[in-house]
């Protein structure tokens, strides 16, 4: 983000949705659109059902790592995570539930605020990834809603894999399969390490 850019992060947080409300809306969208003809479905609905199932499963199975537990205990003041996302995003389906579980174990120190990317383009445009509006994007704020860090759109190991497969000329639909296999095998370990490191910046 440009150093001279001023963003009212608190206003975004105030207009964000909580994880449970986001997931309820996600589930409702799947329920409603699954009975509609394809021509009447919302854009990118073909990704919704699998993403919802994946997010629900990860929420149930993720276990906090020692690094995360230590990082949460070390927090000196409240932390806010603005998370820019969309239900159709496969990476978000792998990541949001992990972030929610971390927040739930923070004893109120960490609060999540979810924002839909396509309704907040002016915000995501401040946090582009190699010039693209890649999501999920996490914006970390202190108790005064000042920026203390950012992350996204996927763990470094996952991004390295994607870069490698793209360089080899693999088509999008193919490398996405390999990417989700990586997520399944990793079990959010890489993500946990990166989140612990990000939380370490919160006290600075």
Protein backbone atom coordinates (compact mmCIF):
# COMPACT_ATOMS: atom_id res chain seq x y z
CA UNK A 1 0.00 0.00 0.00
CA UNK A 2 1.21 3.51 -0.76
CA UNK A 3 2.73 5.15 2.30
CA UNK A 4 0.74 8.36 1.81
CA UNK A 5 -2.63 6.62 1.42
CA UNK A 6 -5.07 7.34 4.25
CA UNK A 7 -7.74 4.71 4.81
CA UNK A 8 -10.53 4.83 7.37
CA UNK A 9 -10.16 1.23 8.50
CA UNK A 10 -12.60 1.62 11.37
CA UNK A 11 -15.36 2.52 8.94
CA UNK A 12 -14.67 -0.67 7.02
CA UNK A 13 -14.70 -2.70 10.24
CA UNK A 14 -17.99 -1.13 11.29
CA UNK A 15 -19.57 -2.14 7.97
CA UNK A 16 -18.09 -5.64 7.86
CA UNK A 17 -19.84 -8.92 8.66
CA UNK A 18 -18.88 -11.51 11.24
CA UNK A 19 -17.83 -15.00 10.24
CA UNK A 20 -21.08 -16.69 11.28
CA UNK A 21 -23.20 -14.20 9.35
CA UNK A 22 -20.94 -14.62 6.33
CA UNK A 23 -21.27 -18.41 6.47
CA UNK A 24 -25.03 -18.23 6.92
CA UNK A 25 -25.32 -16.03 3.83
CA UNK A 26 -22.98 -18.40 2.00
CA UNK A 27 -25.20 -21.37 2.91
CA UNK A 28 -28.36 -19.49 1.91
CA UNK A 29 -26.85 -18.63 -1.47
CA UNK A 30 -26.10 -22.30 -2.10
CA UNK A 31 -29.61 -23.31 -1.06
CA UNK A 32 -31.32 -20.72 -3.26
CA UNK A 33 -29.15 -20.99 -6.36
CA UNK A 34 -28.89 -24.78 -6.42
CA UNK A 35 -32.53 -25.03 -7.55
CA UNK A 36 -32.27 -22.32 -10.21
CA UNK A 37 -31.49 -22.88 -13.89
CA UNK A 38 -27.83 -22.21 -14.59
CA UNK A 39 -28.64 -19.05 -16.53
CA UNK A 40 -30.30 -17.56 -13.43
CA UNK A 41 -27.62 -18.45 -10.90
CA UNK A 42 -25.33 -15.84 -9.37
CA UNK A 43 -21.91 -15.38 -11.02
CA UNK A 44 -19.35 -18.11 -10.26
CA UNK A 45 -21.94 -20.19 -8.42
CA UNK A 46 -20.27 -23.35 -9.72
CA UNK A 47 -17.61 -22.85 -7.01
CA UNK A 48 -19.95 -22.22 -4.08
CA UNK A 49 -21.06 -25.69 -3.02
CA UNK A 50 -17.60 -27.23 -2.82
CA UNK A 51 -16.18 -24.14 -1.12
CA UNK A 52 -18.93 -24.21 1.51
CA UNK A 53 -18.35 -27.89 2.25
CA UNK A 54 -14.61 -27.33 2.47
CA UNK A 55 -14.91 -24.34 4.82
CA UNK A 56 -17.31 -26.19 7.13
CA UNK A 57 -15.01 -29.22 7.26
CA UNK A 58 -11.89 -27.17 8.01
CA UNK A 59 -13.67 -25.33 10.81
CA UNK A 60 -14.41 -28.67 12.48
CA UNK A 61 -10.99 -30.24 11.98
CA UNK A 62 -8.42 -27.45 12.39
CA UNK A 63 -6.31 -27.60 15.53
CA UNK A 64 -4.35 -24.58 16.74
CA UNK A 65 -0.59 -24.99 16.67
CA UNK A 66 1.73 -24.16 19.55
CA UNK A 67 3.01 -21.16 17.60
CA UNK A 68 -0.49 -19.71 17.33
CA UNK A 69 -1.30 -20.33 20.99
CA UNK A 70 1.91 -18.58 22.04
CA UNK A 71 1.28 -15.65 19.68
CA UNK A 72 -2.23 -15.16 21.07
CA UNK A 73 -0.99 -15.23 24.67
CA UNK A 74 1.65 -12.64 23.81
CA UNK A 75 -0.87 -10.10 22.48
CA UNK A 76 -0.77 -7.00 24.62
CA UNK A 77 -3.75 -5.17 23.13
CA UNK A 78 -6.76 -5.98 20.95
CA UNK A 79 -6.12 -6.77 17.30
CA UNK A 80 -8.49 -6.45 14.35
CA UNK A 81 -8.27 -8.51 11.17
CA UNK A 82 -10.04 -7.06 8.15
CA UNK A 83 -10.40 -9.94 5.71
CA UNK A 84 -11.33 -9.24 2.10
CA UNK A 85 -12.95 -12.30 0.59
CA UNK A 86 -15.70 -13.82 -1.59
CA UNK A 87 -17.56 -17.17 -1.34
CA UNK A 88 -16.46 -18.22 -4.84
CA UNK A 89 -12.76 -18.01 -3.91
CA UNK A 90 -11.17 -21.43 -3.39
CA UNK A 91 -8.26 -20.06 -1.36
CA UNK A 92 -10.69 -18.28 0.95
CA UNK A 93 -12.52 -21.54 1.57
CA UNK A 94 -9.23 -23.05 2.77
CA UNK A 95 -8.28 -20.09 4.97
CA UNK A 96 -11.25 -18.26 6.53
CA UNK A 97 -12.27 -21.05 8.89
CA UNK A 98 -8.72 -21.29 10.22
CA UNK A 99 -8.68 -17.55 10.93
CA UNK A 100 -12.02 -17.81 12.68
CA UNK A 101 -10.84 -20.66 14.90
CA UNK A 102 -7.76 -18.62 15.83
CA UNK A 103 -9.96 -15.65 16.75
CA UNK A 104 -12.24 -17.84 18.84
CA UNK A 105 -9.29 -18.97 20.94
CA UNK A 106 -8.00 -15.43 21.51
CA UNK A 107 -10.19 -14.66 24.56
CA UNK A 108 -11.56 -11.63 22.72
CA UNK A 109 -8.15 -10.17 21.84
CA UNK A 110 -8.58 -10.82 18.13
CA UNK A 111 -11.65 -9.77 16.14
CA UNK A 112 -12.47 -10.71 12.55
CA UNK A 113 -14.24 -8.35 10.16
CA UNK A 114 -15.15 -9.86 6.78
CA UNK A 115 -15.62 -7.70 3.70
CA UNK A 116 -16.80 -8.76 0.26
CA UNK A 117 -14.14 -7.87 -2.28
CA UNK A 118 -16.50 -6.90 -5.08
CA UNK A 119 -18.31 -4.45 -2.80
CA UNK A 120 -15.05 -2.92 -1.58
CA UNK A 121 -12.87 -2.49 -4.65
CA UNK A 122 -11.43 0.77 -3.34
CA UNK A 123 -10.02 -1.15 -0.37
CA UNK A 124 -8.63 -4.17 -2.20
CA UNK A 125 -7.03 -1.77 -4.68
CA UNK A 126 -4.85 -0.56 -1.80
CA UNK A 127 -3.62 -4.13 -1.24
CA UNK A 128 -3.02 -5.59 -4.67
CA UNK A 129 -0.95 -8.74 -5.08
CA UNK A 130 1.36 -8.40 -8.08
CA UNK A 131 -1.13 -5.95 -9.53
CA UNK A 132 -4.19 -8.20 -9.07
CA UNK A 133 -7.13 -8.16 -6.68
CA UNK A 134 -6.20 -11.54 -5.22
CA UNK A 135 -8.09 -12.80 -2.18
CA UNK A 136 -8.27 -13.53 0.64
CA UNK A 137 -6.41 -10.46 1.79
CA UNK A 138 -5.88 -9.90 5.50
CA UNK A 139 -5.29 -6.40 6.85
CA UNK A 140 -4.07 -6.36 10.46
CA UNK A 141 -4.95 -3.37 12.64
CA UNK A 142 -4.21 -2.38 16.23
CA UNK A 143 -6.74 -1.18 18.81
CA UNK A 144 -6.64 2.28 17.20
CA UNK A 145 -7.35 0.77 13.77
CA UNK A 146 -3.86 1.56 12.53
CA UNK A 147 -2.19 -0.78 10.06
CA UNK A 148 0.33 -3.18 11.63
CA UNK A 149 0.60 -5.77 8.90
CA UNK A 150 -0.97 -7.45 5.90
CA UNK A 151 -1.09 -10.93 4.43
CA UNK A 152 -2.40 -12.75 1.38
CA UNK A 153 -3.54 -14.14 -0.75
CA UNK A 154 -2.20 -17.61 0.11
CA UNK A 155 0.66 -19.15 2.13
CA UNK A 156 4.11 -18.65 0.61
CA UNK A 157 4.54 -22.38 -0.06
CA UNK A 158 1.23 -22.51 -1.88
CA UNK A 159 2.12 -19.44 -3.93
CA UNK A 160 5.48 -20.95 -4.86
CA UNK A 161 3.68 -24.08 -6.07
CA UNK A 162 1.27 -22.03 -8.18
CA UNK A 163 4.13 -20.01 -9.66
CA UNK A 164 6.00 -23.21 -10.56
CA UNK A 165 2.99 -24.86 -12.20
CA UNK A 166 2.15 -21.70 -14.15
CA UNK A 167 5.75 -21.44 -15.35
CA UNK A 168 5.48 -25.02 -16.59
CA UNK A 169 2.47 -24.01 -18.66
CA UNK A 170 -0.16 -25.84 -16.64
CA UNK A 171 -3.72 -24.67 -17.27
CA UNK A 172 -5.68 -22.96 -14.48
CA UNK A 173 -8.13 -25.80 -13.88
CA UNK A 174 -5.23 -28.24 -13.56
CA UNK A 175 -3.00 -26.28 -11.21
CA UNK A 176 -5.99 -25.51 -8.97
CA UNK A 177 -6.37 -29.26 -8.38
CA UNK A 178 -2.72 -29.47 -7.32
CA UNK A 179 -3.14 -26.39 -5.12
CA UNK A 180 -6.05 -27.87 -3.17
CA UNK A 181 -4.18 -31.15 -2.78
CA UNK A 182 -1.38 -29.11 -1.22
CA UNK A 183 -3.84 -27.46 1.19
CA UNK A 184 -5.25 -30.87 2.18
CA UNK A 185 -1.80 -32.33 2.84
CA UNK A 186 -0.52 -29.27 4.72
CA UNK A 187 -3.51 -29.13 7.11
CA UNK A 188 -3.04 -25.36 7.60
CA UNK A 189 0.42 -25.76 9.15
CA UNK A 190 2.07 -23.24 6.83
CA UNK A 191 -0.82 -20.83 7.29
CA UNK A 192 -0.56 -21.16 11.07
CA UNK A 193 3.14 -20.29 11.02
CA UNK A 194 2.50 -17.21 8.91
CA UNK A 195 -0.40 -16.09 11.11
CA UNK A 196 1.75 -16.47 14.23
CA UNK A 197 4.42 -14.31 12.60
CA UNK A 198 1.82 -11.72 11.59
CA UNK A 199 0.42 -11.58 15.13
CA UNK A 200 3.96 -11.02 16.35
CA UNK A 201 3.87 -7.64 14.59
CA UNK A 202 0.76 -6.56 16.48
CA UNK A 203 2.68 -5.45 19.57
CA UNK A 204 5.21 -3.37 17.65
